[in-house]
Amino acid sequence: MGLILQEGDLVFLDTSPFIYFLEKHPQYFQYMEGFFDQVYEKNVQVILGRAK
């Protein structure tokens, strides 16, 4: 994925990637797991929303 989060970042996340993580989607889960690991380690705030 190549995304590097910094301490205190704020990220807007669409619902689709969040669902991929929850459902352990075979193609996307590994990327979302890495993302949420960074979120936890760097104390990043995530806003979950739905695009219109």
PDB file of N, CA and C in Angstrom:
ATOM      1  N   MET A   1       0.823  -1.181   0.000  1.00  0.00           N
ATOM      2  CA  MET A   1       0.000   0.000   0.000  1.00  0.00           C
ATOM      3  C   MET A   1       0.866   1.243   0.000  1.00  0.00           C
ATOM      4  N   GLY A   2       1.938   1.270   0.733  1.00  0.00           N
ATOM      5  CA  GLY A   2       2.862   2.377   0.706  1.00  0.00           C
ATOM      6  C   GLY A   2       2.457   3.594   1.519  1.00  0.00           C
ATOM      7  N   LEU A   3       1.416   3.508   2.299  1.00  0.00           N
ATOM      8  CA  LEU A   3       0.968   4.633   3.105  1.00  0.00           C
ATOM      9  C   LEU A   3       1.740   4.641   4.415  1.00  0.00           C
ATOM     10  N   ILE A   4       2.343   5.785   4.726  1.00  0.00           N
ATOM     11  CA  ILE A   4       3.082   5.922   5.981  1.00  0.00           C
ATOM     12  C   ILE A   4       2.406   7.016   6.798  1.00  0.00           C
ATOM     13  N   LEU A   5       1.854   6.618   7.921  1.00  0.00           N
ATOM     14  CA  LEU A   5       1.149   7.555   8.788  1.00  0.00           C
ATOM     15  C   LEU A   5       2.116   8.152   9.803  1.00  0.00           C
ATOM     16  N   GLN A   6       1.814   9.391  10.199  1.00  0.00           N
ATOM     17  CA  GLN A   6       2.605  10.094  11.202  1.00  0.00           C
ATOM     18  C   GLN A   6       1.785  10.249  12.480  1.00  0.00           C
ATOM     19  N   GLU A   7       2.479  10.388  13.588  1.00  0.00           N
ATOM     20  CA  GLU A   7       1.835  10.579  14.882  1.00  0.00           C
ATOM     21  C   GLU A   7       0.819  11.712  14.802  1.00  0.00           C
ATOM     22  N   GLY A   8      -0.412  11.434  15.221  1.00  0.00           N
ATOM     23  CA  GLY A   8      -1.447  12.445  15.282  1.00  0.00           C
ATOM     24  C   GLY A   8      -2.170  12.739  13.980  1.00  0.00           C
ATOM     25  N   ASP A   9      -1.878  11.994  12.910  1.00  0.00           N
ATOM     26  CA  ASP A   9      -2.600  12.201  11.649  1.00  0.00           C
ATOM     27  C   ASP A   9      -4.094  11.975  11.831  1.00  0.00           C
ATOM     28  N   LEU A  10      -4.860  12.567  10.944  1.00  0.00           N
ATOM     29  CA  LEU A  10      -6.296  12.379  10.881  1.00  0.00           C
ATOM     30  C   LEU A  10      -6.605  11.823   9.495  1.00  0.00           C
ATOM     31  N   VAL A  11      -7.288  10.679   9.435  1.00  0.00           N
ATOM     32  CA  VAL A  11      -7.556  10.009   8.166  1.00  0.00           C
ATOM     33  C   VAL A  11      -9.058   9.820   7.996  1.00  0.00           C
ATOM     34  N   PHE A  12      -9.568  10.209   6.826  1.00  0.00           N
ATOM     35  CA  PHE A  12     -10.950   9.916   6.475  1.00  0.00           C
ATOM     36  C   PHE A  12     -10.950   8.592   5.730  1.00  0.00           C
ATOM     37  N   LEU A  13     -11.732   7.638   6.177  1.00  0.00           N
ATOM     38  CA  LEU A  13     -11.773   6.308   5.580  1.00  0.00           C
ATOM     39  C   LEU A  13     -13.196   5.995   5.135  1.00  0.00           C
ATOM     40  N   ASP A  14     -13.342   5.666   3.864  1.00  0.00           N
ATOM     41  CA  ASP A  14     -14.635   5.244   3.344  1.00  0.00           C
ATOM     42  C   ASP A  14     -15.017   3.907   3.982  1.00  0.00           C
ATOM     43  N   THR A  15     -16.288   3.577   3.958  1.00  0.00           N
ATOM     44  CA  THR A  15     -16.738   2.342   4.603  1.00  0.00           C
ATOM     45  C   THR A  15     -16.237   1.075   3.911  1.00  0.00           C
ATOM     46  N   SER A  16     -16.025   1.130   2.601  1.00  0.00           N
ATOM     47  CA  SER A  16     -15.615  -0.087   1.873  1.00  0.00           C
ATOM     48  C   SER A  16     -14.339  -0.709   2.427  1.00  0.00           C
ATOM     49  N   PRO A  17     -13.230   0.050   2.573  1.00  0.00           N
ATOM     50  CA  PRO A  17     -12.022  -0.570   3.122  1.00  0.00           C
ATOM     51  C   PRO A  17     -12.217  -1.098   4.539  1.00  0.00           C
ATOM     52  N   PHE A  18     -13.048  -0.427   5.315  1.00  0.00           N
ATOM     53  CA  PHE A  18     -13.329  -0.890   6.675  1.00  0.00           C
ATOM     54  C   PHE A  18     -14.042  -2.243   6.632  1.00  0.00           C
ATOM     55  N   ILE A  19     -14.993  -2.378   5.731  1.00  0.00           N
ATOM     56  CA  ILE A  19     -15.712  -3.652   5.570  1.00  0.00           C
ATOM     57  C   ILE A  19     -14.759  -4.744   5.081  1.00  0.00           C
ATOM     58  N   TYR A  20     -13.857  -4.395   4.154  1.00  0.00           N
ATOM     59  CA  TYR A  20     -12.862  -5.374   3.694  1.00  0.00           C
ATOM     60  C   TYR A  20     -12.067  -5.917   4.875  1.00  0.00           C
ATOM     61  N   PHE A  21     -11.718  -5.029   5.800  1.00  0.00           N
ATOM     62  CA  PHE A  21     -10.966  -5.453   6.979  1.00  0.00           C
ATOM     63  C   PHE A  21     -11.803  -6.366   7.869  1.00  0.00           C
ATOM     64  N   LEU A  22     -13.033  -5.951   8.158  1.00  0.00           N
ATOM     65  CA  LEU A  22     -13.888  -6.740   9.042  1.00  0.00           C
ATOM     66  C   LEU A  22     -14.209  -8.117   8.473  1.00  0.00           C
ATOM     67  N   GLU A  23     -14.395  -8.177   7.161  1.00  0.00           N
ATOM     68  CA  GLU A  23     -14.756  -9.449   6.524  1.00  0.00           C
ATOM     69  C   GLU A  23     -13.539 -10.258   6.067  1.00  0.00           C
ATOM     70  N   LYS A  24     -12.340  -9.741   6.353  1.00  0.00           N
ATOM     71  CA  LYS A  24     -11.094 -10.403   5.954  1.00  0.00           C
ATOM     72  C   LYS A  24     -11.098 -10.747   4.467  1.00  0.00           C
ATOM     73  N   HIS A  25     -11.358  -9.734   3.663  1.00  0.00           N
ATOM     74  CA  HIS A  25     -11.389  -9.885   2.207  1.00  0.00           C
ATOM     75  C   HIS A  25     -10.050 -10.451   1.734  1.00  0.00           C
ATOM     76  N   PRO A  26     -10.056 -11.507   0.901  1.00  0.00           N
ATOM     77  CA  PRO A  26      -8.817 -12.180   0.516  1.00  0.00           C
ATOM     78  C   PRO A  26      -7.825 -11.289  -0.227  1.00  0.00           C
ATOM     79  N   GLN A  27      -8.291 -10.281  -0.919  1.00  0.00           N
ATOM     80  CA  GLN A  27      -7.380  -9.428  -1.686  1.00  0.00           C
ATOM     81  C   GLN A  27      -6.925  -8.201  -0.894  1.00  0.00           C
ATOM     82  N   TYR A  28      -7.760  -7.669  -0.030  1.00  0.00           N
ATOM     83  CA  TYR A  28      -7.471  -6.385   0.604  1.00  0.00           C
ATOM     84  C   TYR A  28      -7.164  -6.447   2.099  1.00  0.00           C
ATOM     85  N   PHE A  29      -7.450  -7.565   2.736  1.00  0.00           N
ATOM     86  CA  PHE A  29      -7.277  -7.634   4.194  1.00  0.00           C
ATOM     87  C   PHE A  29      -5.861  -7.309   4.637  1.00  0.00           C
ATOM     88  N   GLN A  30      -4.871  -7.837   3.950  1.00  0.00           N
ATOM     89  CA  GLN A  30      -3.490  -7.607   4.384  1.00  0.00           C
ATOM     90  C   GLN A  30      -3.132  -6.118   4.382  1.00  0.00           C
ATOM     91  N   TYR A  31      -3.659  -5.378   3.411  1.00  0.00           N
ATOM     92  CA  TYR A  31      -3.387  -3.943   3.348  1.00  0.00           C
ATOM     93  C   TYR A  31      -4.079  -3.193   4.484  1.00  0.00           C
ATOM     94  N   MET A  32      -5.318  -3.575   4.735  1.00  0.00           N
ATOM     95  CA  MET A  32      -6.064  -2.905   5.796  1.00  0.00           C
ATOM     96  C   MET A  32      -5.511  -3.270   7.174  1.00  0.00           C
ATOM     97  N   GLU A  33      -5.044  -4.484   7.330  1.00  0.00           N
ATOM     98  CA  GLU A  33      -4.438  -4.877   8.593  1.00  0.00           C
ATOM     99  C   GLU A  33      -3.194  -4.026   8.856  1.00  0.00           C
ATOM    100  N   GLY A  34      -2.375  -3.827   7.830  1.00  0.00           N
ATOM    101  CA  GLY A  34      -1.201  -2.968   7.966  1.00  0.00           C
ATOM    102  C   GLY A  34      -1.583  -1.533   8.285  1.00  0.00           C
ATOM    103  N   PHE A  35      -2.633  -1.054   7.648  1.00  0.00           N
ATOM    104  CA  PHE A  35      -3.125   0.294   7.911  1.00  0.00           C
ATOM    105  C   PHE A  35      -3.547   0.434   9.374  1.00  0.00           C
ATOM    106  N   PHE A  36      -4.356  -0.495   9.869  1.00  0.00           N
ATOM    107  CA  PHE A  36      -4.839  -0.391  11.241  1.00  0.00           C
ATOM    108  C   PHE A  36      -3.728  -0.629  12.259  1.00  0.00           C
ATOM    109  N   ASP A  37      -2.718  -1.404  11.910  1.00  0.00           N
ATOM    110  CA  ASP A  37      -1.545  -1.526  12.785  1.00  0.00           C
ATOM    111  C   ASP A  37      -0.878  -0.168  12.954  1.00  0.00           C
ATOM    112  N   GLN A  38      -0.719   0.567  11.834  1.00  0.00           N
ATOM    113  CA  GLN A  38      -0.124   1.905  11.903  1.00  0.00           C
ATOM    114  C   GLN A  38      -1.015   2.864  12.692  1.00  0.00           C
ATOM    115  N   VAL A  39      -2.318   2.765  12.482  1.00  0.00           N
ATOM    116  CA  VAL A  39      -3.258   3.622  13.210  1.00  0.00           C
ATOM    117  C   VAL A  39      -3.068   3.441  14.718  1.00  0.00           C
ATOM    118  N   TYR A  40      -2.958   2.203  15.134  1.00  0.00           N
ATOM    119  CA  TYR A  40      -2.788   1.912  16.561  1.00  0.00           C
ATOM    120  C   TYR A  40      -1.429   2.388  17.068  1.00  0.00           C
ATOM    121  N   GLU A  41      -0.371   2.077  16.312  1.00  0.00           N
ATOM    122  CA  GLU A  41       0.985   2.407  16.754  1.00  0.00           C
ATOM    123  C   GLU A  41       1.240   3.913  16.785  1.00  0.00           C
ATOM    124  N   LYS A  42       0.667   4.646  15.862  1.00  0.00           N
ATOM    125  CA  LYS A  42       0.947   6.085  15.731  1.00  0.00           C
ATOM    126  C   LYS A  42      -0.128   6.969  16.344  1.00  0.00           C
ATOM    127  N   ASN A  43      -1.119   6.362  16.973  1.00  0.00           N
ATOM    128  CA  ASN A  43      -2.209   7.113  17.599  1.00  0.00           C
ATOM    129  C   ASN A  43      -2.901   8.036  16.586  1.00  0.00           C
ATOM    130  N   VAL A  44      -3.258   7.464  15.451  1.00  0.00           N
ATOM    131  CA  VAL A  44      -3.909   8.194  14.374  1.00  0.00           C
ATOM    132  C   VAL A  44      -5.420   8.145  14.578  1.00  0.00           C
ATOM    133  N   GLN A  45      -6.082   9.255  14.293  1.00  0.00           N
ATOM    134  CA  GLN A  45      -7.535   9.300  14.373  1.00  0.00           C
ATOM    135  C   GLN A  45      -8.114   8.958  13.008  1.00  0.00           C
ATOM    136  N   VAL A  46      -9.132   8.113  12.996  1.00  0.00           N
ATOM    137  CA  VAL A  46      -9.782   7.717  11.759  1.00  0.00           C
ATOM    138  C   VAL A  46     -11.253   8.137  11.820  1.00  0.00           C
ATOM    139  N   ILE A  47     -11.681   8.827  10.769  1.00  0.00           N
ATOM    140  CA  ILE A  47     -13.090   9.191  10.632  1.00  0.00           C
ATOM    141  C   ILE A  47     -13.659   8.261   9.574  1.00  0.00           C
ATOM    142  N   LEU A  48     -14.675   7.537   9.936  1.00  0.00           N
ATOM    143  CA  LEU A  48     -15.311   6.597   9.023  1.00  0.00           C
ATOM    144  C   LEU A  48     -16.537   7.246   8.411  1.00  0.00           C
ATOM    145  N   GLY A  49     -16.633   7.197   7.107  1.00  0.00           N
ATOM    146  CA  GLY A  49     -17.752   7.833   6.434  1.00  0.00           C
ATOM    147  C   GLY A  49     -18.125   7.096   5.170  1.00  0.00           C
ATOM    148  N   ARG A  50     -19.153   7.578   4.559  1.00  0.00           N
ATOM    149  CA  ARG A  50     -19.653   6.967   3.330  1.00  0.00           C
ATOM    150  C   ARG A  50     -19.670   8.045   2.256  1.00  0.00           C
ATOM    151  N   ALA A  51     -19.013   7.747   1.142  1.00  0.00           N
ATOM    152  CA  ALA A  51     -19.030   8.697   0.028  1.00  0.00           C
ATOM    153  C   ALA A  51     -20.397   8.664  -0.648  1.00  0.00           C
ATOM    154  N   LYS A  52     -20.808   9.794  -1.174  1.00  0.00           N
ATOM    155  CA  LYS A  52     -22.114   9.870  -1.852  1.00  0.00           C
ATOM    156  C   LYS A  52     -21.930   9.749  -3.336  1.00  0.00           C
TER     157      LYS A  52
END
